[in-house]
């Protein structure tokens, strides 16, 4: 017996769900701040801005250190450093490949919805060897004006895969993403790769799992083969 109405689509966040890129993008951004501004930014400085898009990710830390960013230039440099860091270091999180394959086998529509730019999406998917063609749609922060916690990216993802938001499961690791998913009218699975379960439940997660490897029972329950 299912615990809720069946789902017809799954919308995956990327960072912290399919791969653990947060430490590497924080490392890249920290290197950019030290290289260009001499600001001693640490990984902890970036943590409050996870899932909000690279503009806010960099901008929030710039405010802390009194740095006046060149948004486009500094973001491009951060990505340049990041793409140099990820070969052989960025790995898929447990269950990522298998969960995507299982969802596809069940006939679900699949979307990827990340606040990051497309250059990061392409770099990450190449590094973890998960082809973009596995998804019916791939939405990035550049495709919407308002970033998470606004619902725009998930509403667009649901539209692109032709599934009503209420029939979609959003998989997220960040409170801002879960808030966005619930605001879009989706059900949400919170992954505890970045934030603890209590924080994710407060943000709106209907279900919690350590990673996608621990979420197969939920997939089977919500989307019987």
Foldseek 3Di string as FASTA:
>chain_A
DFPDAFFQEEEEEPDLAFWPCLVLLQVLLQVLCCVPPVDRRDSVQQLVVPQFAPQCSNVSSCVVVVHDDPRVVSVVSSVVSSLVPQAVPMETDPCNVVLLVVCVVLVHAYEYFGQYDVSVVVSNCVRHVNDPVSHQYYHYNVVDDGGFVAQVRVLVRCVSRVHQLCSYEYEEADLRVQSNSVNSNHAYEHAPSRHDPVSNVVSPHPHYDPHNNRCVVNNCSNRPD
